Amino acid sequence: MSNGSLYTHIQNNIATVEFYHPASNSFPSELLERLAAEFNALSINNEVHVIILKSEKEKAFCAGASFDELVAITNFEEGKEFFIGFANVINAMRKCSKLIIGRIQGKAVGGGVGLAAACDYCFATEQAAIKLSEFTIGIGPFVIAPVVERKIGVAALSELTLDATSWQNAYWAKEKGLFAKVFETHSELDNEVDILASKLASYNPEALNEMKKIVWQGTENWDILLNDRAAISGKLVLSDFTKKALQKFKK
């Protein structure tokens, strides 16, 4: 459990992928690798027509990448490899042949916002505030920026990035296009997720696949792009500014 957990349940052509980590559902590298591999496997599973992505518990949806691993980075290769973790998940989600519904029940930070943006359709609760806090530790949301920009536009991405200490509420995220609908309760959220997933699972899977290809057109260069962005973050994380900032957070 120190590296978190990942479970997939398949029923009625719906695959529910559920992740958990005791540190606010953050992602160590091992868990990111498992999630990317799971999307790749589900992409070629003919039993699956649609995917639901969710996290355990009722508080944070995802706090981003593991802080402990971030602090432990000592060289450029380690840094680049660390940031490639979320790049691989985003690329696996965009290339997955199945539509992905995001169940966002709580706050999302950094990579957690990227994870929501990589879903094809997101439902959220009022507790699902979002924040990109990377500037506060001397780096930036470089890896996730393309997928967040694709969903909410350049202006909203800039607002999130530059105002790095402020939360934007779920209704702001809905207005910008990250969330399709926002609900007051978890029960309402789960009901709507189930309804949409059941409808999609009943449709022609070939039609769903073709639509997925269309909505992700223009991202074919992301394998290279996100790798290059990971290199930027891998370099910056070694800066004196970031090292000092991380030590303050650690204390």
C-alpha atoms as a PDB file:
ATOM      1  CA  MET A   1       0.000   0.000   0.000  1.00  0.00           C
ATOM      2  CA  SER A   2       2.991   2.354   0.328  1.00  0.00           C
ATOM      3  CA  ASN A   3       2.942   2.636  -3.467  1.00  0.00           C
ATOM      4  CA  GLY A   4      -0.837   2.842  -3.602  1.00  0.00           C
ATOM      5  CA  SER A   5      -3.348   0.517  -5.216  1.00  0.00           C
ATOM      6  CA  LEU A   6      -5.047   0.120  -8.570  1.00  0.00           C
ATOM      7  CA  TYR A   7      -8.075  -2.060  -9.255  1.00  0.00           C
ATOM      8  CA  THR A   8     -10.137  -2.644 -12.382  1.00  0.00           C
ATOM      9  CA  HIS A   9     -13.630  -4.104 -12.367  1.00  0.00           C
ATOM     10  CA  ILE A  10     -15.369  -5.031 -15.633  1.00  0.00           C
ATOM     11  CA  GLN A  11     -19.124  -5.524 -15.810  1.00  0.00           C
ATOM     12  CA  ASN A  12     -21.664  -4.985 -18.602  1.00  0.00           C
ATOM     13  CA  ASN A  13     -18.904  -3.787 -20.955  1.00  0.00           C
ATOM     14  CA  ILE A  14     -17.901  -1.061 -18.489  1.00  0.00           C
ATOM     15  CA  ALA A  15     -14.408  -1.064 -16.961  1.00  0.00           C
ATOM     16  CA  THR A  16     -14.097   0.863 -13.701  1.00  0.00           C
ATOM     17  CA  VAL A  17     -10.490   1.782 -12.903  1.00  0.00           C
ATOM     18  CA  GLU A  18     -10.003   2.879  -9.301  1.00  0.00           C
ATOM     19  CA  PHE A  19      -6.741   4.152  -7.818  1.00  0.00           C
ATOM     20  CA  TYR A  20      -5.738   4.986  -4.262  1.00  0.00           C
ATOM     21  CA  HIS A  21      -2.796   6.338  -2.320  1.00  0.00           C
ATOM     22  CA  PRO A  22      -2.831   7.334   1.356  1.00  0.00           C
ATOM     23  CA  ALA A  23      -1.209  10.691   0.514  1.00  0.00           C
ATOM     24  CA  SER A  24      -4.342  12.311  -0.936  1.00  0.00           C
ATOM     25  CA  ASN A  25      -4.428   9.896  -3.890  1.00  0.00           C
ATOM     26  CA  SER A  26      -1.082  11.110  -5.189  1.00  0.00           C
ATOM     27  CA  PHE A  27       0.938   9.059  -7.657  1.00  0.00           C
ATOM     28  CA  PRO A  28       4.348   7.487  -7.076  1.00  0.00           C
ATOM     29  CA  SER A  29       6.091   6.404 -10.272  1.00  0.00           C
ATOM     30  CA  GLU A  30       5.143   2.754  -9.864  1.00  0.00           C
ATOM     31  CA  LEU A  31       1.437   3.566  -9.669  1.00  0.00           C
ATOM     32  CA  LEU A  32       1.669   5.810 -12.736  1.00  0.00           C
ATOM     33  CA  GLU A  33       3.308   2.972 -14.663  1.00  0.00           C
ATOM     34  CA  ARG A  34       0.528   0.607 -13.629  1.00  0.00           C
ATOM     35  CA  LEU A  35      -2.180   3.092 -14.650  1.00  0.00           C
ATOM     36  CA  ALA A  36      -0.642   3.675 -18.091  1.00  0.00           C
ATOM     37  CA  ALA A  37      -0.316  -0.091 -18.596  1.00  0.00           C
ATOM     38  CA  GLU A  38      -3.948  -0.578 -17.549  1.00  0.00           C
ATOM     39  CA  PHE A  39      -5.236   1.897 -20.128  1.00  0.00           C
ATOM     40  CA  ASN A  40      -3.116   0.199 -22.797  1.00  0.00           C
ATOM     41  CA  ALA A  41      -4.577  -3.188 -21.840  1.00  0.00           C
ATOM     42  CA  LEU A  42      -8.177  -1.962 -21.749  1.00  0.00           C
ATOM     43  CA  SER A  43      -7.703  -0.334 -25.147  1.00  0.00           C
ATOM     44  CA  ILE A  44      -7.437  -3.779 -26.778  1.00  0.00           C
ATOM     45  CA  ASN A  45      -9.943  -5.571 -24.532  1.00  0.00           C
ATOM     46  CA  ASN A  46     -13.002  -6.318 -26.667  1.00  0.00           C
ATOM     47  CA  GLU A  47     -15.078  -6.917 -23.538  1.00  0.00           C
ATOM     48  CA  VAL A  48     -14.750  -3.224 -22.656  1.00  0.00           C
ATOM     49  CA  HIS A  49     -16.726  -0.493 -24.453  1.00  0.00           C
ATOM     50  CA  VAL A  50     -16.226   2.406 -22.026  1.00  0.00           C
ATOM     51  CA  ILE A  51     -14.007   3.212 -19.022  1.00  0.00           C
ATOM     52  CA  ILE A  52     -14.744   5.008 -15.743  1.00  0.00           C
ATOM     53  CA  LEU A  53     -11.744   6.508 -13.939  1.00  0.00           C
ATOM     54  CA  LYS A  54     -12.134   7.224 -10.239  1.00  0.00           C
ATOM     55  CA  SER A  55     -10.171   7.429  -6.997  1.00  0.00           C
ATOM     56  CA  GLU A  56     -10.994   5.935  -3.620  1.00  0.00           C
ATOM     57  CA  LYS A  57     -12.385   7.744  -0.570  1.00  0.00           C
ATOM     58  CA  GLU A  58     -14.449  10.918  -0.611  1.00  0.00           C
ATOM     59  CA  LYS A  59     -11.850  13.662  -0.216  1.00  0.00           C
ATOM     60  CA  ALA A  60      -9.112  14.439  -2.776  1.00  0.00           C
ATOM     61  CA  PHE A  61      -9.446  13.129  -6.307  1.00  0.00           C
ATOM     62  CA  CYS A  62      -5.717  13.362  -6.947  1.00  0.00           C
ATOM     63  CA  ALA A  63      -2.889  15.405  -5.429  1.00  0.00           C
ATOM     64  CA  GLY A  64      -0.615  14.891  -8.415  1.00  0.00           C
ATOM     65  CA  ALA A  65       2.771  13.192  -8.418  1.00  0.00           C
ATOM     66  CA  SER A  66       4.455  11.875  -5.285  1.00  0.00           C
ATOM     67  CA  PHE A  67       6.057  14.640  -3.227  1.00  0.00           C
ATOM     68  CA  ASP A  68       8.455  12.193  -1.578  1.00  0.00           C
ATOM     69  CA  GLU A  69       9.817  11.095  -4.963  1.00  0.00           C
ATOM     70  CA  LEU A  70      10.062  14.705  -6.132  1.00  0.00           C
ATOM     71  CA  VAL A  71      12.201  15.628  -3.132  1.00  0.00           C
ATOM     72  CA  ALA A  72      14.472  12.616  -3.709  1.00  0.00           C
ATOM     73  CA  ILE A  73      15.495  13.586  -7.273  1.00  0.00           C
ATOM     74  CA  THR A  74      19.284  14.088  -7.507  1.00  0.00           C
ATOM     75  CA  ASN A  75      20.064  14.325 -11.239  1.00  0.00           C
ATOM     76  CA  PHE A  76      18.582  15.235 -14.605  1.00  0.00           C
ATOM     77  CA  GLU A  77      17.807  11.675 -15.717  1.00  0.00           C
ATOM     78  CA  GLU A  78      15.916  10.964 -12.493  1.00  0.00           C
ATOM     79  CA  GLY A  79      14.055  14.238 -12.879  1.00  0.00           C
ATOM     80  CA  LYS A  80      13.061  13.633 -16.469  1.00  0.00           C
ATOM     81  CA  GLU A  81      11.973  10.064 -15.707  1.00  0.00           C
ATOM     82  CA  PHE A  82       9.861  11.288 -12.789  1.00  0.00           C
ATOM     83  CA  PHE A  83       7.914  13.737 -14.974  1.00  0.00           C
ATOM     84  CA  ILE A  84       7.566  11.248 -17.812  1.00  0.00           C
ATOM     85  CA  GLY A  85       5.289   9.251 -15.482  1.00  0.00           C
ATOM     86  CA  PHE A  86       2.298  11.523 -16.041  1.00  0.00           C
ATOM     87  CA  ALA A  87       3.257  11.985 -19.695  1.00  0.00           C
ATOM     88  CA  ASN A  88       2.911   8.237 -20.229  1.00  0.00           C
ATOM     89  CA  VAL A  89      -0.499   8.165 -18.542  1.00  0.00           C
ATOM     90  CA  ILE A  90      -1.807  11.091 -20.598  1.00  0.00           C
ATOM     91  CA  ASN A  91      -0.563   9.504 -23.811  1.00  0.00           C
ATOM     92  CA  ALA A  92      -2.099   6.156 -22.858  1.00  0.00           C
ATOM     93  CA  MET A  93      -5.445   7.861 -22.186  1.00  0.00           C
ATOM     94  CA  ARG A  94      -5.495   9.829 -25.449  1.00  0.00           C
ATOM     95  CA  LYS A  95      -4.506   6.765 -27.487  1.00  0.00           C
ATOM     96  CA  CYS A  96      -6.885   4.425 -25.665  1.00  0.00           C
ATOM     97  CA  SER A  97      -9.569   3.209 -28.093  1.00  0.00           C
ATOM     98  CA  LYS A  98     -12.254   3.482 -25.387  1.00  0.00           C
ATOM     99  CA  LEU A  99     -13.921   6.683 -24.175  1.00  0.00           C
ATOM    100  CA  ILE A 100     -12.996   7.547 -20.585  1.00  0.00           C
ATOM    101  CA  ILE A 101     -15.427   9.072 -18.082  1.00  0.00           C
ATOM    102  CA  GLY A 102     -13.821  10.874 -15.137  1.00  0.00           C
ATOM    103  CA  ARG A 103     -15.477  10.746 -11.718  1.00  0.00           C
ATOM    104  CA  ILE A 104     -13.965  13.762  -9.924  1.00  0.00           C
ATOM    105  CA  GLN A 105     -15.251  13.668  -6.352  1.00  0.00           C
ATOM    106  CA  GLY A 106     -12.759  16.039  -4.713  1.00  0.00           C
ATOM    107  CA  LYS A 107      -9.848  18.412  -5.152  1.00  0.00           C
ATOM    108  CA  ALA A 108      -7.308  17.974  -7.945  1.00  0.00           C
ATOM    109  CA  VAL A 109      -3.824  19.497  -7.927  1.00  0.00           C
ATOM    110  CA  GLY A 110      -1.143  19.552 -10.621  1.00  0.00           C
ATOM    111  CA  GLY A 111      -1.062  16.168 -12.300  1.00  0.00           C
ATOM    112  CA  GLY A 112      -4.525  15.481 -10.921  1.00  0.00           C
ATOM    113  CA  VAL A 113      -5.859  18.319 -13.079  1.00  0.00           C
ATOM    114  CA  GLY A 114      -4.035  16.788 -16.041  1.00  0.00           C
ATOM    115  CA  LEU A 115      -5.623  13.432 -15.306  1.00  0.00           C
ATOM    116  CA  ALA A 116      -9.113  14.976 -15.319  1.00  0.00           C
ATOM    117  CA  ALA A 117      -8.352  16.864 -18.531  1.00  0.00           C
ATOM    118  CA  ALA A 118      -7.232  13.647 -20.242  1.00  0.00           C
ATOM    119  CA  CYS A 119     -10.652  12.097 -19.635  1.00  0.00           C
ATOM    120  CA  ASP A 120     -13.121  12.404 -22.497  1.00  0.00           C
ATOM    121  CA  TYR A 121     -16.002  13.468 -20.223  1.00  0.00           C
ATOM    122  CA  CYS A 122     -15.939  14.482 -16.562  1.00  0.00           C
ATOM    123  CA  PHE A 123     -18.565  14.626 -13.850  1.00  0.00           C
ATOM    124  CA  ALA A 124     -17.631  16.330 -10.575  1.00  0.00           C
ATOM    125  CA  THR A 125     -18.933  17.369  -7.180  1.00  0.00           C
ATOM    126  CA  GLU A 126     -18.906  20.868  -5.726  1.00  0.00           C
ATOM    127  CA  GLN A 127     -15.846  19.815  -3.706  1.00  0.00           C
ATOM    128  CA  ALA A 128     -13.792  19.310  -6.888  1.00  0.00           C
ATOM    129  CA  ALA A 129     -11.738  22.507  -6.779  1.00  0.00           C
ATOM    130  CA  ILE A 130      -8.584  22.609  -8.920  1.00  0.00           C
ATOM    131  CA  LYS A 131      -5.154  24.221  -8.661  1.00  0.00           C
ATOM    132  CA  LEU A 132      -1.860  24.259 -10.564  1.00  0.00           C
ATOM    133  CA  SER A 133       0.678  25.065  -7.854  1.00  0.00           C
ATOM    134  CA  GLU A 134       3.895  24.167  -9.700  1.00  0.00           C
ATOM    135  CA  PHE A 135       5.256  27.742  -9.858  1.00  0.00           C
ATOM    136  CA  THR A 136       5.401  27.848  -6.060  1.00  0.00           C
ATOM    137  CA  ILE A 137       8.211  25.284  -6.073  1.00  0.00           C
ATOM    138  CA  GLY A 138      10.085  26.662  -9.058  1.00  0.00           C
ATOM    139  CA  ILE A 139       8.815  24.371 -11.811  1.00  0.00           C
ATOM    140  CA  GLY A 140       5.719  24.567 -14.028  1.00  0.00           C
ATOM    141  CA  PRO A 141       2.863  22.382 -15.314  1.00  0.00           C
ATOM    142  CA  PHE A 142       4.776  21.743 -18.531  1.00  0.00           C
ATOM    143  CA  VAL A 143       3.858  18.082 -19.051  1.00  0.00           C
ATOM    144  CA  ILE A 144       0.157  18.495 -18.375  1.00  0.00           C
ATOM    145  CA  ALA A 145      -0.194  21.921 -20.041  1.00  0.00           C
ATOM    146  CA  PRO A 146      -1.054  20.533 -23.514  1.00  0.00           C
ATOM    147  CA  VAL A 147      -3.908  18.367 -22.255  1.00  0.00           C
ATOM    148  CA  VAL A 148      -5.244  21.070 -19.914  1.00  0.00           C
ATOM    149  CA  GLU A 149      -5.032  23.701 -22.657  1.00  0.00           C
ATOM    150  CA  ARG A 150      -6.860  21.369 -25.043  1.00  0.00           C
ATOM    151  CA  LYS A 151      -9.758  21.198 -22.575  1.00  0.00           C
ATOM    152  CA  ILE A 152     -10.013  24.723 -21.141  1.00  0.00           C
ATOM    153  CA  GLY A 153      -8.034  26.969 -23.525  1.00  0.00           C
ATOM    154  CA  VAL A 154      -4.904  29.071 -23.224  1.00  0.00           C
ATOM    155  CA  ALA A 155      -6.446  31.877 -21.152  1.00  0.00           C
ATOM    156  CA  ALA A 156      -7.787  29.551 -18.448  1.00  0.00           C
ATOM    157  CA  LEU A 157      -4.534  27.555 -18.411  1.00  0.00           C
ATOM    158  CA  SER A 158      -2.610  30.799 -17.916  1.00  0.00           C
ATOM    159  CA  GLU A 159      -4.927  31.873 -15.096  1.00  0.00           C
ATOM    160  CA  LEU A 160      -4.473  28.565 -13.292  1.00  0.00           C
ATOM    161  CA  THR A 161      -0.714  28.550 -13.794  1.00  0.00           C
ATOM    162  CA  LEU A 162       0.044  32.155 -12.873  1.00  0.00           C
ATOM    163  CA  ASP A 163      -2.272  32.285  -9.843  1.00  0.00           C
ATOM    164  CA  ALA A 164      -0.496  29.253  -8.431  1.00  0.00           C
ATOM    165  CA  THR A 165      -1.671  29.637  -4.822  1.00  0.00           C
ATOM    166  CA  SER A 166      -5.399  29.953  -5.514  1.00  0.00           C
ATOM    167  CA  TRP A 167      -8.048  27.261  -5.871  1.00  0.00           C
ATOM    168  CA  GLN A 168     -10.605  27.558  -8.648  1.00  0.00           C
ATOM    169  CA  ASN A 169     -13.936  26.008  -7.715  1.00  0.00           C
ATOM    170  CA  ALA A 170     -15.751  23.252  -9.588  1.00  0.00           C
ATOM    171  CA  TYR A 171     -18.163  25.676 -11.237  1.00  0.00           C
ATOM    172  CA  TRP A 172     -15.241  27.673 -12.643  1.00  0.00           C
ATOM    173  CA  ALA A 173     -13.860  24.418 -14.039  1.00  0.00           C
ATOM    174  CA  LYS A 174     -17.267  23.589 -15.536  1.00  0.00           C
ATOM    175  CA  GLU A 175     -17.528  27.037 -17.128  1.00  0.00           C
ATOM    176  CA  LYS A 176     -14.112  26.560 -18.724  1.00  0.00           C
ATOM    177  CA  GLY A 177     -14.979  23.092 -20.063  1.00  0.00           C
ATOM    178  CA  LEU A 178     -13.057  20.761 -17.757  1.00  0.00           C
ATOM    179  CA  PHE A 179     -16.225  19.363 -16.154  1.00  0.00           C
ATOM    180  CA  ALA A 180     -19.447  18.620 -18.025  1.00  0.00           C
ATOM    181  CA  LYS A 181     -21.684  18.646 -14.922  1.00  0.00           C
ATOM    182  CA  VAL A 182     -21.246  19.435 -11.228  1.00  0.00           C
ATOM    183  CA  PHE A 183     -23.332  17.841  -8.449  1.00  0.00           C
ATOM    184  CA  GLU A 184     -23.950  18.620  -4.796  1.00  0.00           C
ATOM    185  CA  THR A 185     -23.618  15.040  -3.520  1.00  0.00           C
ATOM    186  CA  HIS A 186     -21.580  11.924  -4.227  1.00  0.00           C
ATOM    187  CA  SER A 187     -24.744   9.901  -4.732  1.00  0.00           C
ATOM    188  CA  GLU A 188     -25.911  12.256  -7.500  1.00  0.00           C
ATOM    189  CA  LEU A 189     -22.449  12.066  -9.042  1.00  0.00           C
ATOM    190  CA  ASP A 190     -22.367   8.270  -9.014  1.00  0.00           C
ATOM    191  CA  ASN A 191     -25.873   8.009 -10.417  1.00  0.00           C
ATOM    192  CA  GLU A 192     -25.047  10.210 -13.408  1.00  0.00           C
ATOM    193  CA  VAL A 193     -21.734   8.450 -14.032  1.00  0.00           C
ATOM    194  CA  ASP A 194     -23.529   5.099 -14.087  1.00  0.00           C
ATOM    195  CA  ILE A 195     -26.268   6.358 -16.405  1.00  0.00           C
ATOM    196  CA  LEU A 196     -23.852   7.777 -18.978  1.00  0.00           C
ATOM    197  CA  ALA A 197     -21.533   4.762 -18.817  1.00  0.00           C
ATOM    198  CA  SER A 198     -24.469   2.388 -19.381  1.00  0.00           C
ATOM    199  CA  LYS A 199     -25.681   4.412 -22.351  1.00  0.00           C
ATOM    200  CA  LEU A 200     -22.249   4.525 -23.952  1.00  0.00           C
ATOM    201  CA  ALA A 201     -21.704   0.809 -23.332  1.00  0.00           C
ATOM    202  CA  SER A 202     -24.886   0.090 -25.295  1.00  0.00           C
ATOM    203  CA  TYR A 203     -23.748   2.013 -28.374  1.00  0.00           C
ATOM    204  CA  ASN A 204     -21.760   0.672 -31.322  1.00  0.00           C
ATOM    205  CA  PRO A 205     -18.171   0.344 -30.010  1.00  0.00           C
ATOM    206  CA  GLU A 206     -16.790   1.048 -33.484  1.00  0.00           C
ATOM    207  CA  ALA A 207     -18.650   4.363 -33.576  1.00  0.00           C
ATOM    208  CA  LEU A 208     -17.312   5.259 -30.121  1.00  0.00           C
ATOM    209  CA  ASN A 209     -13.781   4.442 -31.232  1.00  0.00           C
ATOM    210  CA  GLU A 210     -14.051   6.566 -34.365  1.00  0.00           C
ATOM    211  CA  MET A 211     -15.388   9.488 -32.319  1.00  0.00           C
ATOM    212  CA  LYS A 212     -12.508   9.131 -29.876  1.00  0.00           C
ATOM    213  CA  LYS A 213     -10.055   9.442 -32.772  1.00  0.00           C
ATOM    214  CA  ILE A 214     -11.788  12.577 -34.028  1.00  0.00           C
ATOM    215  CA  VAL A 215     -11.828  14.456 -30.713  1.00  0.00           C
ATOM    216  CA  TRP A 216      -8.112  13.764 -30.193  1.00  0.00           C
ATOM    217  CA  GLN A 217      -7.022  14.800 -33.688  1.00  0.00           C
ATOM    218  CA  GLY A 218      -4.025  17.110 -33.652  1.00  0.00           C
ATOM    219  CA  THR A 219      -2.305  15.400 -30.714  1.00  0.00           C
ATOM    220  CA  GLU A 220      -0.339  12.882 -32.759  1.00  0.00           C
ATOM    221  CA  ASN A 221       2.967  14.557 -31.823  1.00  0.00           C
ATOM    222  CA  TRP A 222       2.397  14.302 -28.073  1.00  0.00           C
ATOM    223  CA  ASP A 223       4.707  11.323 -27.543  1.00  0.00           C
ATOM    224  CA  ILE A 224       7.580  13.644 -28.471  1.00  0.00           C
ATOM    225  CA  LEU A 225       6.069  16.848 -27.078  1.00  0.00           C
ATOM    226  CA  LEU A 226       5.394  15.520 -23.570  1.00  0.00           C
ATOM    227  CA  ASN A 227       8.814  13.872 -23.461  1.00  0.00           C
ATOM    228  CA  ASP A 228      10.391  17.248 -24.241  1.00  0.00           C
ATOM    229  CA  ARG A 229       8.239  18.922 -21.593  1.00  0.00           C
ATOM    230  CA  ALA A 230       9.364  16.318 -19.038  1.00  0.00           C
ATOM    231  CA  ALA A 231      12.954  17.278 -19.834  1.00  0.00           C
ATOM    232  CA  ILE A 232      12.191  20.932 -19.023  1.00  0.00           C
ATOM    233  CA  SER A 233      10.763  19.988 -15.628  1.00  0.00           C
ATOM    234  CA  GLY A 234      13.589  17.509 -15.027  1.00  0.00           C
ATOM    235  CA  LYS A 235      16.074  20.345 -15.425  1.00  0.00           C
ATOM    236  CA  LEU A 236      14.178  22.899 -13.352  1.00  0.00           C
ATOM    237  CA  VAL A 237      13.646  20.550 -10.415  1.00  0.00           C
ATOM    238  CA  LEU A 238      17.422  20.604  -9.853  1.00  0.00           C
ATOM    239  CA  SER A 239      17.562  24.415  -9.579  1.00  0.00           C
ATOM    240  CA  ASP A 240      18.576  26.060  -6.315  1.00  0.00           C
ATOM    241  CA  PHE A 241      15.182  27.764  -6.153  1.00  0.00           C
ATOM    242  CA  THR A 242      13.323  24.467  -6.334  1.00  0.00           C
ATOM    243  CA  LYS A 243      15.618  22.686  -3.887  1.00  0.00           C
ATOM    244  CA  LYS A 244      15.093  25.438  -1.302  1.00  0.00           C
ATOM    245  CA  ALA A 245      11.340  25.527  -1.929  1.00  0.00           C
ATOM    246  CA  LEU A 246      11.029  21.750  -1.557  1.00  0.00           C
ATOM    247  CA  GLN A 247      12.932  21.786   1.715  1.00  0.00           C
ATOM    248  CA  LYS A 248      10.524  24.396   3.084  1.00  0.00           C
ATOM    249  CA  PHE A 249       7.533  22.282   2.056  1.00  0.00           C
ATOM    250  CA  LYS A 250       9.153  19.183   3.505  1.00  0.00           C
ATOM    251  CA  LYS A 251       9.611  20.874   6.886  1.00  0.00           C
END
